[in-house]
């Protein structure tokens, strides 16, 4: 997934976090915020040190999230910013379970049908 699909700036991250609608499942939290006039969706991914104490574990979770979103890219609406925040149980998931949880979360948040 190209960097243009990512939310990187702190103020944009905080704006979606404070003004967006949130839904959650056991492993992830989703904040969504509609944004008009975008060519494609943007996503911010957060995995805190409380989730996994090692950088290897945190990076693995982020990689799984990005890969899941890459596979779901055609189904996600363009005019949307959203954040995915990992919770502690996400560290025990493999790629298949992560994708299943991400799909469930996106359906809960009405991002996917």
C-alpha atoms as a PDB file:
ATOM      1  CA  UNK A   1       0.000   0.000   0.000  1.00  0.00           C
ATOM      2  CA  UNK A   2       1.459   3.333  -1.061  1.00  0.00           C
ATOM      3  CA  UNK A   3       2.214   6.027   1.497  1.00  0.00           C
ATOM      4  CA  UNK A   4      -0.490   8.249  -0.002  1.00  0.00           C
ATOM      5  CA  UNK A   5      -2.980   5.809   1.570  1.00  0.00           C
ATOM      6  CA  UNK A   6      -1.664   6.501   5.077  1.00  0.00           C
ATOM      7  CA  UNK A   7      -2.442   9.130   7.676  1.00  0.00           C
ATOM      8  CA  UNK A   8       0.922  10.212   9.038  1.00  0.00           C
ATOM      9  CA  UNK A   9       0.531  13.686  10.540  1.00  0.00           C
ATOM     10  CA  UNK A  10      -0.238  13.932  14.240  1.00  0.00           C
ATOM     11  CA  UNK A  11      -2.956  16.580  13.809  1.00  0.00           C
ATOM     12  CA  UNK A  12      -4.826  14.510  11.170  1.00  0.00           C
ATOM     13  CA  UNK A  13      -4.544  11.446  13.397  1.00  0.00           C
ATOM     14  CA  UNK A  14      -5.927  13.385  16.377  1.00  0.00           C
ATOM     15  CA  UNK A  15      -8.754  14.880  14.299  1.00  0.00           C
ATOM     16  CA  UNK A  16     -10.039  11.448  13.230  1.00  0.00           C
ATOM     17  CA  UNK A  17      -9.495  10.093  16.758  1.00  0.00           C
ATOM     18  CA  UNK A  18     -11.441  12.885  18.468  1.00  0.00           C
ATOM     19  CA  UNK A  19     -14.204  13.498  15.881  1.00  0.00           C
ATOM     20  CA  UNK A  20     -14.663  10.088  14.254  1.00  0.00           C
ATOM     21  CA  UNK A  21     -17.141   7.358  15.081  1.00  0.00           C
ATOM     22  CA  UNK A  22     -15.687   4.302  16.773  1.00  0.00           C
ATOM     23  CA  UNK A  23     -16.488   0.605  16.803  1.00  0.00           C
ATOM     24  CA  UNK A  24     -14.449  -2.216  18.265  1.00  0.00           C
ATOM     25  CA  UNK A  25     -14.059  -5.930  18.465  1.00  0.00           C
ATOM     26  CA  UNK A  26     -11.817  -7.951  20.763  1.00  0.00           C
ATOM     27  CA  UNK A  27      -8.601  -7.292  18.829  1.00  0.00           C
ATOM     28  CA  UNK A  28      -8.959  -3.906  17.099  1.00  0.00           C
ATOM     29  CA  UNK A  29     -10.659  -0.501  17.393  1.00  0.00           C
ATOM     30  CA  UNK A  30     -11.820   1.422  14.308  1.00  0.00           C
ATOM     31  CA  UNK A  31     -12.370   5.195  14.094  1.00  0.00           C
ATOM     32  CA  UNK A  32     -14.003   6.421  10.863  1.00  0.00           C
ATOM     33  CA  UNK A  33     -14.363   9.934   9.494  1.00  0.00           C
ATOM     34  CA  UNK A  34     -15.853  10.828   6.084  1.00  0.00           C
ATOM     35  CA  UNK A  35     -13.707  13.244   4.073  1.00  0.00           C
ATOM     36  CA  UNK A  36     -14.989  14.637   0.785  1.00  0.00           C
ATOM     37  CA  UNK A  37     -12.879  15.126  -2.322  1.00  0.00           C
ATOM     38  CA  UNK A  38     -10.291  12.377  -1.866  1.00  0.00           C
ATOM     39  CA  UNK A  39      -9.104  10.071  -4.636  1.00  0.00           C
ATOM     40  CA  UNK A  40      -8.780   7.138  -2.236  1.00  0.00           C
ATOM     41  CA  UNK A  41      -9.211   6.243   1.420  1.00  0.00           C
ATOM     42  CA  UNK A  42      -6.506   6.934   4.002  1.00  0.00           C
ATOM     43  CA  UNK A  43      -5.711   4.834   7.044  1.00  0.00           C
ATOM     44  CA  UNK A  44      -3.725   5.354  10.216  1.00  0.00           C
ATOM     45  CA  UNK A  45      -2.434   2.321  12.089  1.00  0.00           C
ATOM     46  CA  UNK A  46      -1.460   2.378  15.753  1.00  0.00           C
ATOM     47  CA  UNK A  47       0.075  -0.452  17.749  1.00  0.00           C
ATOM     48  CA  UNK A  48       1.221   0.668  21.193  1.00  0.00           C
ATOM     49  CA  UNK A  49       4.003  -0.710  23.342  1.00  0.00           C
ATOM     50  CA  UNK A  50       1.412  -2.172  25.715  1.00  0.00           C
ATOM     51  CA  UNK A  51       0.240  -4.449  22.888  1.00  0.00           C
ATOM     52  CA  UNK A  52       3.682  -5.916  22.201  1.00  0.00           C
ATOM     53  CA  UNK A  53       6.858  -4.948  23.995  1.00  0.00           C
ATOM     54  CA  UNK A  54       9.051  -5.787  21.017  1.00  0.00           C
ATOM     55  CA  UNK A  55       9.272  -3.818  17.789  1.00  0.00           C
ATOM     56  CA  UNK A  56       9.153  -7.103  15.883  1.00  0.00           C
ATOM     57  CA  UNK A  57       5.713  -7.902  17.321  1.00  0.00           C
ATOM     58  CA  UNK A  58       4.332  -4.407  16.705  1.00  0.00           C
ATOM     59  CA  UNK A  59       5.638  -4.333  13.130  1.00  0.00           C
ATOM     60  CA  UNK A  60       4.151  -7.771  12.426  1.00  0.00           C
ATOM     61  CA  UNK A  61       0.700  -6.593  13.511  1.00  0.00           C
ATOM     62  CA  UNK A  62       1.004  -3.457  11.335  1.00  0.00           C
ATOM     63  CA  UNK A  63       2.122  -5.566   8.372  1.00  0.00           C
ATOM     64  CA  UNK A  64      -0.886  -7.872   8.809  1.00  0.00           C
ATOM     65  CA  UNK A  65      -3.255  -4.872   8.947  1.00  0.00           C
ATOM     66  CA  UNK A  66      -1.733  -3.260   5.838  1.00  0.00           C
ATOM     67  CA  UNK A  67      -1.873  -6.536   3.888  1.00  0.00           C
ATOM     68  CA  UNK A  68      -5.514  -7.079   4.860  1.00  0.00           C
ATOM     69  CA  UNK A  69      -6.413  -3.570   3.712  1.00  0.00           C
ATOM     70  CA  UNK A  70      -4.486  -4.033   0.472  1.00  0.00           C
ATOM     71  CA  UNK A  71      -6.583  -7.104  -0.327  1.00  0.00           C
ATOM     72  CA  UNK A  72      -9.798  -5.229   0.581  1.00  0.00           C
ATOM     73  CA  UNK A  73      -8.831  -2.003  -1.234  1.00  0.00           C
ATOM     74  CA  UNK A  74     -11.413  -2.246  -4.089  1.00  0.00           C
ATOM     75  CA  UNK A  75     -14.263  -2.623  -1.578  1.00  0.00           C
ATOM     76  CA  UNK A  76     -13.375   0.351   0.663  1.00  0.00           C
ATOM     77  CA  UNK A  77     -15.007   3.698  -0.246  1.00  0.00           C
ATOM     78  CA  UNK A  78     -12.657   6.459  -1.411  1.00  0.00           C
ATOM     79  CA  UNK A  79     -13.935   9.383   0.638  1.00  0.00           C
ATOM     80  CA  UNK A  80     -13.036   8.034   4.053  1.00  0.00           C
ATOM     81  CA  UNK A  81     -10.280   8.446   6.630  1.00  0.00           C
ATOM     82  CA  UNK A  82     -10.011   5.807   9.316  1.00  0.00           C
ATOM     83  CA  UNK A  83      -7.760   4.617  12.123  1.00  0.00           C
ATOM     84  CA  UNK A  84      -7.178   1.049  13.207  1.00  0.00           C
ATOM     85  CA  UNK A  85      -5.792   0.642  16.713  1.00  0.00           C
ATOM     86  CA  UNK A  86      -4.595  -2.767  17.865  1.00  0.00           C
ATOM     87  CA  UNK A  87      -5.493  -4.197  21.253  1.00  0.00           C
ATOM     88  CA  UNK A  88      -3.386  -6.598  23.306  1.00  0.00           C
ATOM     89  CA  UNK A  89      -4.980  -9.885  22.079  1.00  0.00           C
ATOM     90  CA  UNK A  90      -3.998  -8.974  18.480  1.00  0.00           C
ATOM     91  CA  UNK A  91      -0.426 -10.058  19.187  1.00  0.00           C
ATOM     92  CA  UNK A  92      -1.494 -13.732  19.161  1.00  0.00           C
ATOM     93  CA  UNK A  93      -3.221 -13.618  15.751  1.00  0.00           C
ATOM     94  CA  UNK A  94      -1.806 -14.990  12.519  1.00  0.00           C
ATOM     95  CA  UNK A  95      -2.401 -13.380   9.121  1.00  0.00           C
ATOM     96  CA  UNK A  96      -5.644 -15.249   8.404  1.00  0.00           C
ATOM     97  CA  UNK A  97      -7.179 -14.456  11.807  1.00  0.00           C
ATOM     98  CA  UNK A  98      -6.076 -10.815  11.546  1.00  0.00           C
ATOM     99  CA  UNK A  99      -7.771 -10.411   8.178  1.00  0.00           C
ATOM    100  CA  UNK A 100     -10.925 -12.064   9.486  1.00  0.00           C
ATOM    101  CA  UNK A 101     -10.985  -9.643  12.441  1.00  0.00           C
ATOM    102  CA  UNK A 102     -10.307  -6.619  10.198  1.00  0.00           C
ATOM    103  CA  UNK A 103     -13.173  -7.604   7.860  1.00  0.00           C
ATOM    104  CA  UNK A 104     -15.475  -8.043  10.867  1.00  0.00           C
ATOM    105  CA  UNK A 105     -14.432  -4.637  12.218  1.00  0.00           C
ATOM    106  CA  UNK A 106     -14.945  -2.878   8.871  1.00  0.00           C
ATOM    107  CA  UNK A 107     -18.415  -4.423   8.578  1.00  0.00           C
ATOM    108  CA  UNK A 108     -19.265  -3.266  12.110  1.00  0.00           C
ATOM    109  CA  UNK A 109     -18.166   0.242  11.156  1.00  0.00           C
ATOM    110  CA  UNK A 110     -20.225   0.075   7.932  1.00  0.00           C
ATOM    111  CA  UNK A 111     -17.114   0.603   5.811  1.00  0.00           C
ATOM    112  CA  UNK A 112     -17.790  -2.702   4.021  1.00  0.00           C
ATOM    113  CA  UNK A 113     -21.226  -4.096   3.183  1.00  0.00           C
END
